[in-house]
Amino acid sequence: MSDNVVHVSTADFESTVLNSKEPVLVDFWAEWCGPCKMIAPALDELAVAYGGRAKIVKVNVDHERDLAVKYHVRSIPYLVVFKDGEKVGEQVGAVGKTQLAGLLDKALA
C-alpha cells in the first residue's frame, strides 16, 4: 500500500473527500475482494502520478457500512470520483490504470 493512498472512514469522509479542493477518486473495497486487490497497484501508481492534483482514497466497505449504503455500493470494487463534493464519475468492477486515469482526467478537465 502506498503512503499516497489514504484510508478514510465515516468520521473523516466529509473533510477528506467532500471538502477536498482537488478531485478525489474513492475506491470502495474489501480485503476479501480479489478484483480490489488486482487494481490496488494501479491506484498506488495513480496516487503518485496525480499527487498535488487529485487524491486517491480507499473505503473498506466491511468497516464503513454506513458509507457503503449512502453511496449505493452494490458491487466492489466501486470507484467514484468526487469533485467539489459532487459525484462526477464512477466505475464498477476492476479496470486498468488507463481507464482509472481517464476518470481523473475528466474531473480535472
Protein backbone atom coordinates (compact mmCIF):
# COMPACT_ATOMS: atom_id res chain seq x y z
CA MET A 1 0.00 0.00 0.00
CA SER A 2 1.32 3.40 -0.98
CA ASP A 3 1.64 6.19 1.54
CA ASN A 4 -0.09 8.34 -1.08
CA VAL A 5 -3.36 6.38 -0.85
CA VAL A 6 -5.39 7.45 2.18
CA HIS A 7 -7.80 5.18 4.04
CA VAL A 8 -10.89 7.10 5.13
CA SER A 9 -13.73 6.32 7.48
CA THR A 10 -17.17 7.75 8.05
CA ALA A 11 -15.59 10.17 10.55
CA ASP A 12 -13.24 11.82 8.04
CA PHE A 13 -15.03 11.19 4.71
CA GLU A 14 -16.57 14.66 4.56
CA SER A 15 -13.34 16.52 5.36
CA THR A 16 -11.10 14.32 3.18
CA VAL A 17 -13.39 13.72 0.20
CA LEU A 18 -16.38 16.06 0.04
CA ASN A 19 -14.50 19.19 1.16
CA SER A 20 -11.37 18.48 -0.92
CA LYS A 21 -10.13 21.22 -3.24
CA GLU A 22 -8.86 18.53 -5.65
CA PRO A 23 -10.89 15.77 -7.31
CA VAL A 24 -10.93 12.57 -5.24
CA LEU A 25 -11.10 9.00 -6.57
CA VAL A 26 -12.71 6.83 -3.89
CA ASP A 27 -12.15 3.07 -4.04
CA PHE A 28 -14.89 1.22 -2.16
CA TRP A 29 -13.25 -2.15 -1.48
CA ALA A 30 -12.88 -5.08 0.93
CA GLU A 31 -9.95 -7.24 1.99
CA TRP A 32 -11.59 -10.43 0.66
CA CYS A 33 -12.22 -8.91 -2.82
CA GLY A 34 -9.86 -10.35 -5.45
CA PRO A 35 -10.52 -7.69 -8.12
CA CYS A 36 -9.97 -4.99 -5.46
CA LYS A 37 -6.51 -6.42 -4.81
CA MET A 38 -5.83 -6.53 -8.56
CA ILE A 39 -6.36 -2.78 -9.04
CA ALA A 40 -4.54 -1.70 -5.86
CA PRO A 41 -1.12 -1.34 -7.57
CA ALA A 42 -2.66 0.86 -10.30
CA LEU A 43 -4.28 3.05 -7.64
CA ASP A 44 -0.92 3.36 -5.86
CA GLU A 45 0.73 4.45 -9.12
CA LEU A 46 -2.04 6.95 -9.87
CA ALA A 47 -1.76 8.41 -6.37
CA VAL A 48 1.88 9.23 -7.12
CA ALA A 49 1.26 10.38 -10.71
CA TYR A 50 -1.62 12.70 -9.72
CA GLY A 51 -0.07 13.88 -6.45
CA GLY A 52 -0.99 17.51 -5.78
CA ARG A 53 -3.70 17.46 -8.47
CA ALA A 54 -6.04 14.71 -7.24
CA LYS A 55 -6.37 12.33 -4.30
CA ILE A 56 -6.87 8.57 -4.17
CA VAL A 57 -8.68 7.26 -1.09
CA LYS A 58 -9.96 3.86 -0.03
CA VAL A 59 -13.08 3.00 1.96
CA ASN A 60 -13.32 -0.52 3.37
CA VAL A 61 -16.99 -1.43 2.94
CA ASP A 62 -16.82 -4.05 5.70
CA HIS A 63 -15.70 -1.43 8.23
CA GLU A 64 -17.67 1.53 6.86
CA ARG A 65 -21.11 0.10 6.12
CA ASP A 66 -22.84 3.47 6.51
CA LEU A 67 -20.78 4.95 3.66
CA ALA A 68 -21.39 1.87 1.51
CA VAL A 69 -25.14 2.25 2.00
CA LYS A 70 -25.11 6.02 1.49
CA TYR A 71 -23.30 5.70 -1.85
CA HIS A 72 -25.29 2.66 -3.00
CA VAL A 73 -22.32 0.30 -3.20
CA ARG A 74 -23.74 -2.94 -4.60
CA SER A 75 -20.62 -4.43 -6.12
CA ILE A 76 -16.93 -3.90 -5.47
CA PRO A 77 -14.59 -2.56 -6.46
CA TYR A 78 -16.75 0.51 -6.90
CA LEU A 79 -14.78 3.61 -7.81
CA VAL A 80 -16.32 7.06 -7.56
CA VAL A 81 -14.80 10.41 -8.47
CA PHE A 82 -15.91 13.39 -6.39
CA LYS A 83 -15.27 17.00 -7.38
CA ASP A 84 -16.44 19.91 -5.24
CA GLY A 85 -18.39 17.45 -3.08
CA GLU A 86 -20.36 16.02 -6.01
CA LYS A 87 -20.10 12.64 -7.72
CA VAL A 88 -18.78 13.30 -11.24
CA GLY A 89 -17.76 9.81 -12.36
CA GLU A 90 -17.96 6.15 -11.43
CA GLN A 91 -16.68 2.74 -12.42
CA VAL A 92 -17.95 -0.64 -11.23
CA GLY A 93 -15.51 -3.53 -11.35
CA ALA A 94 -11.80 -3.85 -11.93
CA VAL A 95 -10.40 -1.89 -14.86
CA GLY A 96 -6.92 -0.93 -15.94
CA LYS A 97 -4.85 2.04 -14.92
CA THR A 98 -5.67 3.85 -18.20
CA GLN A 99 -9.42 3.75 -17.51
CA LEU A 100 -8.90 4.91 -13.93
CA ALA A 101 -6.67 7.75 -15.12
CA GLY A 102 -9.44 8.68 -17.58
CA LEU A 103 -11.88 9.15 -14.69
CA LEU A 104 -9.44 11.53 -13.01
CA ASP A 105 -8.61 13.34 -16.24
CA LYS A 106 -12.30 14.09 -16.85
CA ALA A 107 -12.62 15.53 -13.36
CA LEU A 108 -9.51 17.68 -13.88
CA ALA A 109 -10.61 19.00 -17.28
